[in-house]
mmCIF file of all heavy atoms, coordinates in Angstrom:
data_MODEL
# 
_entry.id   MODEL 
# 
loop_
_atom_site.group_PDB 
_atom_site.id 
_atom_site.type_symbol 
_atom_site.label_atom_id 
_atom_site.label_alt_id 
_atom_site.label_comp_id 
_atom_site.label_asym_id 
_atom_site.label_entity_id 
_atom_site.label_seq_id 
_atom_site.pdbx_PDB_ins_code 
_atom_site.Cartn_x 
_atom_site.Cartn_y 
_atom_site.Cartn_z 
_atom_site.occupancy 
_atom_site.B_iso_or_equiv 
_atom_site.pdbx_formal_charge 
_atom_site.auth_seq_id 
_atom_site.auth_comp_id 
_atom_site.auth_asym_id 
_atom_site.auth_atom_id 
_atom_site.pdbx_PDB_model_num 
ATOM 1   N N   . LYS A 1 1  ? 32.526 -3.302  1.570  1.00 0.00 ? 1  LYS A N   1 
ATOM 2   C CA  . LYS A 1 1  ? 31.865 -4.075  0.546  1.00 0.00 ? 1  LYS A CA  1 
ATOM 3   C C   . LYS A 1 1  ? 32.302 -5.478  0.533  1.00 0.00 ? 1  LYS A C   1 
ATOM 4   O O   . LYS A 1 1  ? 31.496 -6.441  0.469  1.00 0.00 ? 1  LYS A O   1 
ATOM 5   C CB  . LYS A 1 1  ? 32.194 -3.441  -0.811 1.00 0.00 ? 1  LYS A CB  1 
ATOM 6   C CG  . LYS A 1 1  ? 31.461 -4.073  -2.002 1.00 0.00 ? 1  LYS A CG  1 
ATOM 7   C CD  . LYS A 1 1  ? 31.719 -3.300  -3.302 1.00 0.00 ? 1  LYS A CD  1 
ATOM 8   C CE  . LYS A 1 1  ? 30.931 -3.954  -4.427 1.00 0.00 ? 1  LYS A CE  1 
ATOM 9   N NZ  . LYS A 1 1  ? 31.142 -3.203  -5.714 1.00 0.00 ? 1  LYS A NZ  1 
ATOM 10  N N   . ASN A 1 2  ? 33.664 -5.729  0.685  1.00 0.00 ? 2  ASN A N   1 
ATOM 11  C CA  . ASN A 1 2  ? 34.117 -7.128  0.644  1.00 0.00 ? 2  ASN A CA  1 
ATOM 12  C C   . ASN A 1 2  ? 33.620 -7.968  1.758  1.00 0.00 ? 2  ASN A C   1 
ATOM 13  O O   . ASN A 1 2  ? 33.349 -9.153  1.575  1.00 0.00 ? 2  ASN A O   1 
ATOM 14  C CB  . ASN A 1 2  ? 35.680 -7.147  0.638  1.00 0.00 ? 2  ASN A CB  1 
ATOM 15  C CG  . ASN A 1 2  ? 36.291 -6.480  -0.620 1.00 0.00 ? 2  ASN A CG  1 
ATOM 16  O OD1 . ASN A 1 2  ? 35.576 -6.245  -1.646 1.00 0.00 ? 2  ASN A OD1 1 
ATOM 17  N ND2 . ASN A 1 2  ? 37.555 -6.114  -0.568 1.00 0.00 ? 2  ASN A ND2 1 
ATOM 18  N N   . LEU A 1 3  ? 33.511 -7.350  2.913  1.00 0.00 ? 3  LEU A N   1 
ATOM 19  C CA  . LEU A 1 3  ? 33.099 -8.079  4.161  1.00 0.00 ? 3  LEU A CA  1 
ATOM 20  C C   . LEU A 1 3  ? 31.577 -8.014  4.349  1.00 0.00 ? 3  LEU A C   1 
ATOM 21  O O   . LEU A 1 3  ? 31.091 -8.558  5.323  1.00 0.00 ? 3  LEU A O   1 
ATOM 22  C CB  . LEU A 1 3  ? 33.794 -7.600  5.336  1.00 0.00 ? 3  LEU A CB  1 
ATOM 23  C CG  . LEU A 1 3  ? 35.325 -7.739  5.328  1.00 0.00 ? 3  LEU A CG  1 
ATOM 24  C CD1 . LEU A 1 3  ? 36.029 -6.996  6.498  1.00 0.00 ? 3  LEU A CD1 1 
ATOM 25  C CD2 . LEU A 1 3  ? 35.715 -9.241  5.381  1.00 0.00 ? 3  LEU A CD2 1 
ATOM 26  N N   . ASN A 1 4  ? 30.884 -7.299  3.493  1.00 0.00 ? 4  ASN A N   1 
ATOM 27  C CA  . ASN A 1 4  ? 29.462 -7.110  3.706  1.00 0.00 ? 4  ASN A CA  1 
ATOM 28  C C   . ASN A 1 4  ? 29.038 -6.486  5.040  1.00 0.00 ? 4  ASN A C   1 
ATOM 29  O O   . ASN A 1 4  ? 28.202 -6.983  5.763  1.00 0.00 ? 4  ASN A O   1 
ATOM 30  C CB  . ASN A 1 4  ? 28.645 -8.352  3.442  1.00 0.00 ? 4  ASN A CB  1 
ATOM 31  C CG  . ASN A 1 4  ? 27.177 -8.205  3.424  1.00 0.00 ? 4  ASN A CG  1 
ATOM 32  O OD1 . ASN A 1 4  ? 26.666 -7.151  2.879  1.00 0.00 ? 4  ASN A OD1 1 
ATOM 33  N ND2 . ASN A 1 4  ? 26.402 -9.133  3.864  1.00 0.00 ? 4  ASN A ND2 1 
ATOM 34  N N   . ILE A 1 5  ? 29.775 -5.408  5.368  1.00 0.00 ? 5  ILE A N   1 
ATOM 35  C CA  . ILE A 1 5  ? 29.486 -4.763  6.678  1.00 0.00 ? 5  ILE A CA  1 
ATOM 36  C C   . ILE A 1 5  ? 29.070 -3.268  6.572  1.00 0.00 ? 5  ILE A C   1 
ATOM 37  O O   . ILE A 1 5  ? 28.597 -2.720  7.508  1.00 0.00 ? 5  ILE A O   1 
ATOM 38  C CB  . ILE A 1 5  ? 30.726 -4.850  7.599  1.00 0.00 ? 5  ILE A CB  1 
ATOM 39  C CG1 . ILE A 1 5  ? 31.977 -4.150  7.001  1.00 0.00 ? 5  ILE A CG1 1 
ATOM 40  C CG2 . ILE A 1 5  ? 31.056 -6.254  8.001  1.00 0.00 ? 5  ILE A CG2 1 
ATOM 41  C CD1 . ILE A 1 5  ? 33.184 -4.063  7.902  1.00 0.00 ? 5  ILE A CD1 1 
ATOM 42  N N   . LEU A 1 6  ? 29.215 -2.758  5.340  1.00 0.00 ? 6  LEU A N   1 
ATOM 43  C CA  . LEU A 1 6  ? 28.812 -1.362  5.118  1.00 0.00 ? 6  LEU A CA  1 
ATOM 44  C C   . LEU A 1 6  ? 28.245 -1.232  3.717  1.00 0.00 ? 6  LEU A C   1 
ATOM 45  O O   . LEU A 1 6  ? 28.835 -1.674  2.758  1.00 0.00 ? 6  LEU A O   1 
ATOM 46  C CB  . LEU A 1 6  ? 30.109 -0.441  5.253  1.00 0.00 ? 6  LEU A CB  1 
ATOM 47  C CG  . LEU A 1 6  ? 29.863 1.102   5.051  1.00 0.00 ? 6  LEU A CG  1 
ATOM 48  C CD1 . LEU A 1 6  ? 28.978 1.598   6.137  1.00 0.00 ? 6  LEU A CD1 1 
ATOM 49  C CD2 . LEU A 1 6  ? 31.207 1.754   5.055  1.00 0.00 ? 6  LEU A CD2 1 
ATOM 50  N N   . ASP A 1 7  ? 27.025 -0.634  3.664  1.00 0.00 ? 7  ASP A N   1 
ATOM 51  C CA  . ASP A 1 7  ? 26.287 -0.522  2.421  1.00 0.00 ? 7  ASP A CA  1 
ATOM 52  C C   . ASP A 1 7  ? 25.865 0.906   2.222  1.00 0.00 ? 7  ASP A C   1 
ATOM 53  O O   . ASP A 1 7  ? 24.780 1.290   2.624  1.00 0.00 ? 7  ASP A O   1 
ATOM 54  C CB  . ASP A 1 7  ? 25.072 -1.488  2.385  1.00 0.00 ? 7  ASP A CB  1 
ATOM 55  C CG  . ASP A 1 7  ? 24.531 -1.676  0.964  1.00 0.00 ? 7  ASP A CG  1 
ATOM 56  O OD1 . ASP A 1 7  ? 24.684 -0.718  0.196  1.00 0.00 ? 7  ASP A OD1 1 
ATOM 57  O OD2 . ASP A 1 7  ? 23.851 -2.679  0.708  1.00 0.00 ? 7  ASP A OD2 1 
ATOM 58  N N   . MET A 1 8  ? 26.733 1.693   1.586  1.00 0.00 ? 8  MET A N   1 
ATOM 59  C CA  . MET A 1 8  ? 26.427 3.107   1.337  1.00 0.00 ? 8  MET A CA  1 
ATOM 60  C C   . MET A 1 8  ? 25.342 3.288   0.282  1.00 0.00 ? 8  MET A C   1 
ATOM 61  O O   . MET A 1 8  ? 24.534 4.273   0.359  1.00 0.00 ? 8  MET A O   1 
ATOM 62  C CB  . MET A 1 8  ? 27.712 3.893   1.002  1.00 0.00 ? 8  MET A CB  1 
ATOM 63  C CG  . MET A 1 8  ? 28.786 3.926   2.081  1.00 0.00 ? 8  MET A CG  1 
ATOM 64  S SD  . MET A 1 8  ? 28.296 4.588   3.642  1.00 0.00 ? 8  MET A SD  1 
ATOM 65  C CE  . MET A 1 8  ? 27.964 6.302   3.133  1.00 0.00 ? 8  MET A CE  1 
ATOM 66  N N   . GLU A 1 9  ? 25.314 2.402   -0.684 1.00 0.00 ? 9  GLU A N   1 
ATOM 67  C CA  . GLU A 1 9  ? 24.333 2.562   -1.771 1.00 0.00 ? 9  GLU A CA  1 
ATOM 68  C C   . GLU A 1 9  ? 22.925 2.391   -1.241 1.00 0.00 ? 9  GLU A C   1 
ATOM 69  O O   . GLU A 1 9  ? 22.029 3.176   -1.552 1.00 0.00 ? 9  GLU A O   1 
ATOM 70  C CB  . GLU A 1 9  ? 24.561 1.504   -2.864 1.00 0.00 ? 9  GLU A CB  1 
ATOM 71  C CG  . GLU A 1 9  ? 25.907 1.747   -3.668 1.00 0.00 ? 9  GLU A CG  1 
ATOM 72  C CD  . GLU A 1 9  ? 27.142 1.353   -2.923 1.00 0.00 ? 9  GLU A CD  1 
ATOM 73  O OE1 . GLU A 1 9  ? 27.055 0.665   -1.879 1.00 0.00 ? 9  GLU A OE1 1 
ATOM 74  O OE2 . GLU A 1 9  ? 28.240 1.716   -3.408 1.00 0.00 ? 9  GLU A OE2 1 
ATOM 75  N N   . ARG A 1 10 ? 22.665 1.356   -0.472 1.00 0.00 ? 10 ARG A N   1 
ATOM 76  C CA  . ARG A 1 10 ? 21.363 1.130   0.079  1.00 0.00 ? 10 ARG A CA  1 
ATOM 77  C C   . ARG A 1 10 ? 20.974 2.245   1.118  1.00 0.00 ? 10 ARG A C   1 
ATOM 78  O O   . ARG A 1 10 ? 19.822 2.611   1.268  1.00 0.00 ? 10 ARG A O   1 
ATOM 79  C CB  . ARG A 1 10 ? 21.201 -0.281  0.641  1.00 0.00 ? 10 ARG A CB  1 
ATOM 80  C CG  . ARG A 1 10 ? 21.125 -1.329  -0.444 1.00 0.00 ? 10 ARG A CG  1 
ATOM 81  C CD  . ARG A 1 10 ? 20.665 -2.665  0.120  1.00 0.00 ? 10 ARG A CD  1 
ATOM 82  N NE  . ARG A 1 10 ? 20.436 -3.623  -0.934 1.00 0.00 ? 10 ARG A NE  1 
ATOM 83  C CZ  . ARG A 1 10 ? 21.267 -4.674  -1.239 1.00 0.00 ? 10 ARG A CZ  1 
ATOM 84  N NH1 . ARG A 1 10 ? 22.362 -4.855  -0.518 1.00 0.00 ? 10 ARG A NH1 1 
ATOM 85  N NH2 . ARG A 1 10 ? 20.934 -5.516  -2.226 1.00 0.00 ? 10 ARG A NH2 1 
ATOM 86  N N   . GLY A 1 11 ? 21.965 2.690   1.864  1.00 0.00 ? 11 GLY A N   1 
ATOM 87  C CA  . GLY A 1 11 ? 21.778 3.845   2.731  1.00 0.00 ? 11 GLY A CA  1 
ATOM 88  C C   . GLY A 1 11 ? 21.288 4.981   2.020  1.00 0.00 ? 11 GLY A C   1 
ATOM 89  O O   . GLY A 1 11 ? 20.339 5.766   2.419  1.00 0.00 ? 11 GLY A O   1 
ATOM 90  N N   . SER A 1 12 ? 21.881 5.300   0.839  1.00 0.00 ? 12 SER A N   1 
ATOM 91  C CA  . SER A 1 12 ? 21.452 6.420   0.021  1.00 0.00 ? 12 SER A CA  1 
ATOM 92  C C   . SER A 1 12 ? 20.058 6.212   -0.566 1.00 0.00 ? 12 SER A C   1 
ATOM 93  O O   . SER A 1 12 ? 19.286 7.181   -0.679 1.00 0.00 ? 12 SER A O   1 
ATOM 94  C CB  . SER A 1 12 ? 22.442 6.566   -1.200 1.00 0.00 ? 12 SER A CB  1 
ATOM 95  O OG  . SER A 1 12 ? 23.703 6.939   -0.669 1.00 0.00 ? 12 SER A OG  1 
ATOM 96  N N   . LYS A 1 13 ? 19.740 4.927   -0.902 1.00 0.00 ? 13 LYS A N   1 
ATOM 97  C CA  . LYS A 1 13 ? 18.394 4.634   -1.414 1.00 0.00 ? 13 LYS A CA  1 
ATOM 98  C C   . LYS A 1 13 ? 17.343 4.969   -0.336 1.00 0.00 ? 13 LYS A C   1 
ATOM 99  O O   . LYS A 1 13 ? 16.254 5.486   -0.604 1.00 0.00 ? 13 LYS A O   1 
ATOM 100 C CB  . LYS A 1 13 ? 18.386 3.188   -1.817 1.00 0.00 ? 13 LYS A CB  1 
ATOM 101 C CG  . LYS A 1 13 ? 16.961 2.773   -2.392 1.00 0.00 ? 13 LYS A CG  1 
ATOM 102 C CD  . LYS A 1 13 ? 16.999 1.346   -2.959 1.00 0.00 ? 13 LYS A CD  1 
ATOM 103 C CE  . LYS A 1 13 ? 17.250 0.303   -1.923 1.00 0.00 ? 13 LYS A CE  1 
ATOM 104 N NZ  . LYS A 1 13 ? 17.127 -1.070  -2.419 1.00 0.00 ? 13 LYS A NZ  1 
ATOM 105 N N   . ILE A 1 14 ? 17.709 4.710   0.909  1.00 0.00 ? 14 ILE A N   1 
ATOM 106 C CA  . ILE A 1 14 ? 16.697 4.868   1.979  1.00 0.00 ? 14 ILE A CA  1 
ATOM 107 C C   . ILE A 1 14 ? 16.488 6.378   2.331  1.00 0.00 ? 14 ILE A C   1 
ATOM 108 O O   . ILE A 1 14 ? 15.479 6.861   2.463  1.00 0.00 ? 14 ILE A O   1 
ATOM 109 C CB  . ILE A 1 14 ? 17.139 4.086   3.259  1.00 0.00 ? 14 ILE A CB  1 
ATOM 110 C CG1 . ILE A 1 14 ? 17.103 2.635   2.957  1.00 0.00 ? 14 ILE A CG1 1 
ATOM 111 C CG2 . ILE A 1 14 ? 16.228 4.421   4.451  1.00 0.00 ? 14 ILE A CG2 1 
ATOM 112 C CD1 . ILE A 1 14 ? 17.830 1.829   4.037  1.00 0.00 ? 14 ILE A CD1 1 
ATOM 113 N N   . SER A 1 15 ? 17.711 7.084   2.509  1.00 0.00 ? 15 SER A N   1 
ATOM 114 C CA  . SER A 1 15 ? 17.657 8.421   3.077  1.00 0.00 ? 15 SER A CA  1 
ATOM 115 C C   . SER A 1 15 ? 18.356 9.495   2.255  1.00 0.00 ? 15 SER A C   1 
ATOM 116 O O   . SER A 1 15 ? 18.336 10.632  2.608  1.00 0.00 ? 15 SER A O   1 
ATOM 117 C CB  . SER A 1 15 ? 18.288 8.403   4.510  1.00 0.00 ? 15 SER A CB  1 
ATOM 118 O OG  . SER A 1 15 ? 17.625 7.484   5.370  1.00 0.00 ? 15 SER A OG  1 
ATOM 119 N N   . GLY A 1 16 ? 19.018 9.097   1.214  1.00 0.00 ? 16 GLY A N   1 
ATOM 120 C CA  . GLY A 1 16 ? 19.863 10.105  0.458  1.00 0.00 ? 16 GLY A CA  1 
ATOM 121 C C   . GLY A 1 16 ? 21.349 9.880   0.834  1.00 0.00 ? 16 GLY A C   1 
ATOM 122 O O   . GLY A 1 16 ? 21.703 9.090   1.758  1.00 0.00 ? 16 GLY A O   1 
ATOM 123 N N   . SER A 1 17 ? 22.170 10.652  0.135  1.00 0.00 ? 17 SER A N   1 
ATOM 124 C CA  . SER A 1 17 ? 23.639 10.532  0.397  1.00 0.00 ? 17 SER A CA  1 
ATOM 125 C C   . SER A 1 17 ? 24.007 10.984  1.801  1.00 0.00 ? 17 SER A C   1 
ATOM 126 O O   . SER A 1 17 ? 23.356 11.827  2.334  1.00 0.00 ? 17 SER A O   1 
ATOM 127 C CB  . SER A 1 17 ? 24.417 11.253  -0.633 1.00 0.00 ? 17 SER A CB  1 
ATOM 128 O OG  . SER A 1 17 ? 24.137 12.663  -0.531 1.00 0.00 ? 17 SER A OG  1 
ATOM 129 N N   . GLY A 1 18 ? 25.029 10.329  2.320  1.00 0.00 ? 18 GLY A N   1 
ATOM 130 C CA  . GLY A 1 18 ? 25.519 10.744  3.665  1.00 0.00 ? 18 GLY A CA  1 
ATOM 131 C C   . GLY A 1 18 ? 24.789 10.085  4.809  1.00 0.00 ? 18 GLY A C   1 
ATOM 132 O O   . GLY A 1 18 ? 24.936 10.431  5.994  1.00 0.00 ? 18 GLY A O   1 
ATOM 133 N N   . PHE A 1 19 ? 24.138 8.930   4.556  1.00 0.00 ? 19 PHE A N   1 
ATOM 134 C CA  . PHE A 1 19 ? 23.440 8.138   5.590  1.00 0.00 ? 19 PHE A CA  1 
ATOM 135 C C   . PHE A 1 19 ? 23.902 6.718   5.484  1.00 0.00 ? 19 PHE A C   1 
ATOM 136 O O   . PHE A 1 19 ? 23.366 5.963   4.653  1.00 0.00 ? 19 PHE A O   1 
ATOM 137 C CB  . PHE A 1 19 ? 21.956 8.298   5.483  1.00 0.00 ? 19 PHE A CB  1 
ATOM 138 C CG  . PHE A 1 19 ? 21.386 9.649   5.782  1.00 0.00 ? 19 PHE A CG  1 
ATOM 139 C CD1 . PHE A 1 19 ? 21.292 10.593  4.844  1.00 0.00 ? 19 PHE A CD1 1 
ATOM 140 C CD2 . PHE A 1 19 ? 21.036 9.987   7.134  1.00 0.00 ? 19 PHE A CD2 1 
ATOM 141 C CE1 . PHE A 1 19 ? 20.752 11.850  5.127  1.00 0.00 ? 19 PHE A CE1 1 
ATOM 142 C CE2 . PHE A 1 19 ? 20.520 11.221  7.394  1.00 0.00 ? 19 PHE A CE2 1 
ATOM 143 C CZ  . PHE A 1 19 ? 20.401 12.225  6.408  1.00 0.00 ? 19 PHE A CZ  1 
ATOM 144 N N   . PRO A 1 20 ? 24.840 6.290   6.232  1.00 0.00 ? 20 PRO A N   1 
ATOM 145 C CA  . PRO A 1 20 ? 25.421 4.946   6.123  1.00 0.00 ? 20 PRO A CA  1 
ATOM 146 C C   . PRO A 1 20 ? 24.471 3.858   6.625  1.00 0.00 ? 20 PRO A C   1 
ATOM 147 O O   . PRO A 1 20 ? 23.679 4.177   7.558  1.00 0.00 ? 20 PRO A O   1 
ATOM 148 C CB  . PRO A 1 20 ? 26.689 5.021   7.003  1.00 0.00 ? 20 PRO A CB  1 
ATOM 149 C CG  . PRO A 1 20 ? 26.484 6.123   7.964  1.00 0.00 ? 20 PRO A CG  1 
ATOM 150 C CD  . PRO A 1 20 ? 25.627 7.070   7.272  1.00 0.00 ? 20 PRO A CD  1 
ATOM 151 N N   . LEU A 1 21 ? 24.547 2.705   6.010  1.00 0.00 ? 21 LEU A N   1 
ATOM 152 C CA  . LEU A 1 21 ? 23.785 1.548   6.487  1.00 0.00 ? 21 LEU A CA  1 
ATOM 153 C C   . LEU A 1 21 ? 24.766 0.533   6.921  1.00 0.00 ? 21 LEU A C   1 
ATOM 154 O O   . LEU A 1 21 ? 25.545 -0.042  6.137  1.00 0.00 ? 21 LEU A O   1 
ATOM 155 C CB  . LEU A 1 21 ? 22.915 1.002   5.314  1.00 0.00 ? 21 LEU A CB  1 
ATOM 156 C CG  . LEU A 1 21 ? 22.048 -0.184  5.645  1.00 0.00 ? 21 LEU A CG  1 
ATOM 157 C CD1 . LEU A 1 21 ? 20.931 0.217   6.593  1.00 0.00 ? 21 LEU A CD1 1 
ATOM 158 C CD2 . LEU A 1 21 ? 21.491 -0.805  4.362  1.00 0.00 ? 21 LEU A CD2 1 
ATOM 159 N N   . TYR A 1 22 ? 24.876 0.270   8.245  1.00 0.00 ? 22 TYR A N   1 
ATOM 160 C CA  . TYR A 1 22 ? 25.762 -0.805  8.753  1.00 0.00 ? 22 TYR A CA  1 
ATOM 161 C C   . TYR A 1 22 ? 25.052 -2.101  8.673  1.00 0.00 ? 22 TYR A C   1 
ATOM 162 O O   . TYR A 1 22 ? 23.893 -2.227  9.127  1.00 0.00 ? 22 TYR A O   1 
ATOM 163 C CB  . TYR A 1 22 ? 26.157 -0.453  10.199 1.00 0.00 ? 22 TYR A CB  1 
ATOM 164 C CG  . TYR A 1 22 ? 26.849 0.917   10.322 1.00 0.00 ? 22 TYR A CG  1 
ATOM 165 C CD1 . TYR A 1 22 ? 26.179 2.088   10.681 1.00 0.00 ? 22 TYR A CD1 1 
ATOM 166 C CD2 . TYR A 1 22 ? 28.275 1.040   10.082 1.00 0.00 ? 22 TYR A CD2 1 
ATOM 167 C CE1 . TYR A 1 22 ? 26.804 3.330   10.853 1.00 0.00 ? 22 TYR A CE1 1 
ATOM 168 C CE2 . TYR A 1 22 ? 28.931 2.205   10.185 1.00 0.00 ? 22 TYR A CE2 1 
ATOM 169 C CZ  . TYR A 1 22 ? 28.178 3.356   10.544 1.00 0.00 ? 22 TYR A CZ  1 
ATOM 170 O OH  . TYR A 1 22 ? 28.839 4.569   10.696 1.00 0.00 ? 22 TYR A OH  1 
ATOM 171 N N   . VAL A 1 23 ? 25.787 -3.149  8.249  1.00 0.00 ? 23 VAL A N   1 
ATOM 172 C CA  . VAL A 1 23 ? 25.172 -4.414  8.031  1.00 0.00 ? 23 VAL A CA  1 
ATOM 173 C C   . VAL A 1 23 ? 25.910 -5.543  8.797  1.00 0.00 ? 23 VAL A C   1 
ATOM 174 O O   . VAL A 1 23 ? 27.178 -5.475  8.890  1.00 0.00 ? 23 VAL A O   1 
ATOM 175 C CB  . VAL A 1 23 ? 25.199 -4.747  6.506  1.00 0.00 ? 23 VAL A CB  1 
ATOM 176 C CG1 . VAL A 1 23 ? 24.530 -6.118  6.230  1.00 0.00 ? 23 VAL A CG1 1 
ATOM 177 C CG2 . VAL A 1 23 ? 24.458 -3.683  5.692  1.00 0.00 ? 23 VAL A CG2 1 
ATOM 178 N N   . ASN A 1 24 ? 25.203 -6.490  9.351  1.00 0.00 ? 24 ASN A N   1 
ATOM 179 C CA  . ASN A 1 24 ? 25.791 -7.683  9.914  1.00 0.00 ? 24 ASN A CA  1 
ATOM 180 C C   . ASN A 1 24 ? 26.852 -7.351  10.933 1.00 0.00 ? 24 ASN A C   1 
ATOM 181 O O   . ASN A 1 24 ? 26.571 -6.663  11.918 1.00 0.00 ? 24 ASN A O   1 
ATOM 182 C CB  . ASN A 1 24 ? 26.305 -8.597  8.766  1.00 0.00 ? 24 ASN A CB  1 
ATOM 183 C CG  . ASN A 1 24 ? 26.577 -10.022 9.245  1.00 0.00 ? 24 ASN A CG  1 
ATOM 184 O OD1 . ASN A 1 24 ? 26.169 -10.424 10.302 1.00 0.00 ? 24 ASN A OD1 1 
ATOM 185 N ND2 . ASN A 1 24 ? 27.319 -10.714 8.447  1.00 0.00 ? 24 ASN A ND2 1 
ATOM 186 N N   . HIS A 1 25 ? 28.099 -7.788  10.687 1.00 0.00 ? 25 HIS A N   1 
ATOM 187 C CA  . HIS A 1 25 ? 29.190 -7.468  11.712 1.00 0.00 ? 25 HIS A CA  1 
ATOM 188 C C   . HIS A 1 25 ? 29.542 -5.991  11.707 1.00 0.00 ? 25 HIS A C   1 
ATOM 189 O O   . HIS A 1 25 ? 30.109 -5.602  12.636 1.00 0.00 ? 25 HIS A O   1 
ATOM 190 C CB  . HIS A 1 25 ? 30.420 -8.326  11.345 1.00 0.00 ? 25 HIS A CB  1 
ATOM 191 C CG  . HIS A 1 25 ? 30.192 -9.805  11.489 1.00 0.00 ? 25 HIS A CG  1 
ATOM 192 N ND1 . HIS A 1 25 ? 29.670 -10.371 12.684 1.00 0.00 ? 25 HIS A ND1 1 
ATOM 193 C CD2 . HIS A 1 25 ? 30.371 -10.795 10.599 1.00 0.00 ? 25 HIS A CD2 1 
ATOM 194 C CE1 . HIS A 1 25 ? 29.562 -11.692 12.440 1.00 0.00 ? 25 HIS A CE1 1 
ATOM 195 N NE2 . HIS A 1 25 ? 29.996 -12.014 11.274 1.00 0.00 ? 25 HIS A NE2 1 
ATOM 196 N N   . GLY A 1 26 ? 29.172 -5.264  10.666 1.00 0.00 ? 26 GLY A N   1 
ATOM 197 C CA  . GLY A 1 26 ? 29.407 -3.848  10.684 1.00 0.00 ? 26 GLY A CA  1 
ATOM 198 C C   . GLY A 1 26 ? 28.469 -3.121  11.754 1.00 0.00 ? 26 GLY A C   1 
ATOM 199 O O   . GLY A 1 26 ? 28.913 -2.268  12.456 1.00 0.00 ? 26 GLY A O   1 
ATOM 200 N N   . ALA A 1 27 ? 27.230 -3.615  11.808 1.00 0.00 ? 27 ALA A N   1 
ATOM 201 C CA  . ALA A 1 27 ? 26.294 -3.107  12.799 1.00 0.00 ? 27 ALA A CA  1 
ATOM 202 C C   . ALA A 1 27 ? 26.742 -3.448  14.246 1.00 0.00 ? 27 ALA A C   1 
ATOM 203 O O   . ALA A 1 27 ? 26.664 -2.698  15.113 1.00 0.00 ? 27 ALA A O   1 
ATOM 204 C CB  . ALA A 1 27 ? 24.907 -3.591  12.537 1.00 0.00 ? 27 ALA A CB  1 
ATOM 205 N N   . ARG A 1 28 ? 27.280 -4.702  14.322 1.00 0.00 ? 28 ARG A N   1 
ATOM 206 C CA  . ARG A 1 28 ? 27.692 -5.196  15.608 1.00 0.00 ? 28 ARG A CA  1 
ATOM 207 C C   . ARG A 1 28 ? 28.983 -4.468  16.044 1.00 0.00 ? 28 ARG A C   1 
ATOM 208 O O   . ARG A 1 28 ? 29.176 -4.128  17.295 1.00 0.00 ? 28 ARG A O   1 
ATOM 209 C CB  . ARG A 1 28 ? 28.011 -6.685  15.546 1.00 0.00 ? 28 ARG A CB  1 
ATOM 210 C CG  . ARG A 1 28 ? 28.250 -7.325  16.916 1.00 0.00 ? 28 ARG A CG  1 
ATOM 211 C CD  . ARG A 1 28 ? 28.184 -8.832  16.812 1.00 0.00 ? 28 ARG A CD  1 
ATOM 212 N NE  . ARG A 1 28 ? 28.286 -9.413  18.164 1.00 0.00 ? 28 ARG A NE  1 
ATOM 213 C CZ  . ARG A 1 28 ? 27.994 -10.704 18.387 1.00 0.00 ? 28 ARG A CZ  1 
ATOM 214 N NH1 . ARG A 1 28 ? 27.616 -11.538 17.418 1.00 0.00 ? 28 ARG A NH1 1 
ATOM 215 N NH2 . ARG A 1 28 ? 28.170 -11.147 19.618 1.00 0.00 ? 28 ARG A NH2 1 
# 
């Protein structure tokens, strides 16, 4: 959360719980 590299909340919004959303340097 602090580094804006992992967004579990938006991953849950897209697919439900248990589906991580990697963001920016997290995806990289």
